Amino acid sequence: TTPKQPVQPHTVSAPTQPSTTPKASKITAKLISLQRTQTDTKSSLNVDIDIKEKNKVQ
């Protein structure tokens, strides 16, 4: 199995400044959840491929 690619930390940096508006933090949260969904999809696709490869070998 190939090692999963690590998610780039710089894209998920949450705003630390208290001066950020609630709107901005909501957008950031949306982006983070979107990225999580993408990584979940990628990993499940990889699992599907792994299963297919294993079935081929057997």
Protein backbone atom coordinates (compact mmCIF):
# COMPACT_ATOMS: atom_id res chain seq x y z
CA THR A 1 0.00 0.00 0.00
CA THR A 2 1.23 3.50 -0.78
CA PRO A 3 1.57 5.91 2.17
CA LYS A 4 -1.14 8.55 2.29
CA GLN A 5 0.00 12.02 1.28
CA PRO A 6 0.01 14.35 4.29
CA VAL A 7 -2.41 17.28 4.14
CA GLN A 8 -0.51 20.54 3.69
CA PRO A 9 -0.56 22.29 7.09
CA HIS A 10 -0.36 25.78 5.60
CA THR A 11 -3.79 25.44 3.98
CA VAL A 12 -5.59 24.56 7.21
CA SER A 13 -4.10 27.31 9.38
CA ALA A 14 -6.98 28.66 11.42
CA PRO A 15 -7.05 32.42 12.11
CA THR A 16 -5.51 33.15 15.51
CA GLN A 17 -6.20 36.89 15.51
CA PRO A 18 -9.20 37.84 17.72
CA SER A 19 -9.84 40.73 15.31
CA THR A 20 -11.19 38.37 12.62
CA THR A 21 -14.88 38.76 11.90
CA PRO A 22 -17.26 35.83 12.53
CA LYS A 23 -17.92 35.76 8.78
CA ALA A 24 -14.25 35.12 8.04
CA SER A 25 -13.98 32.34 10.61
CA LYS A 26 -17.14 30.74 9.20
CA ILE A 27 -15.55 30.75 5.74
CA THR A 28 -12.36 29.25 7.16
CA ALA A 29 -14.36 26.54 8.91
CA LYS A 30 -16.16 25.81 5.63
CA LEU A 31 -12.85 25.54 3.78
CA ILE A 32 -11.40 23.23 6.44
CA SER A 33 -14.44 20.95 6.32
CA LEU A 34 -14.29 20.94 2.52
CA GLN A 35 -10.64 19.90 2.63
CA ARG A 36 -11.44 17.16 5.14
CA THR A 37 -14.16 15.88 2.81
CA GLN A 38 -11.70 15.88 -0.07
CA THR A 39 -9.09 13.93 1.88
CA ASP A 40 -11.77 11.47 3.03
CA THR A 41 -12.84 10.95 -0.58
CA LYS A 42 -9.23 10.49 -1.68
CA SER A 43 -8.48 7.94 1.03
CA SER A 44 -11.66 5.95 0.30
CA LEU A 45 -10.76 5.94 -3.40
CA ASN A 46 -7.31 4.62 -2.50
CA VAL A 47 -8.93 1.87 -0.44
CA ASP A 48 -11.12 0.93 -3.43
CA ILE A 49 -8.04 0.74 -5.65
CA ASP A 50 -6.21 -1.36 -3.04
CA ILE A 51 -9.12 -3.82 -2.87
CA LYS A 52 -9.21 -4.10 -6.67
CA GLU A 53 -5.47 -4.72 -6.78
CA LYS A 54 -5.72 -7.39 -4.08
CA ASN A 55 -8.57 -9.08 -5.97
CA LYS A 56 -6.41 -9.11 -9.11
CA VAL A 57 -3.56 -10.81 -7.24
CA GLN A 58 -5.77 -13.55 -5.80
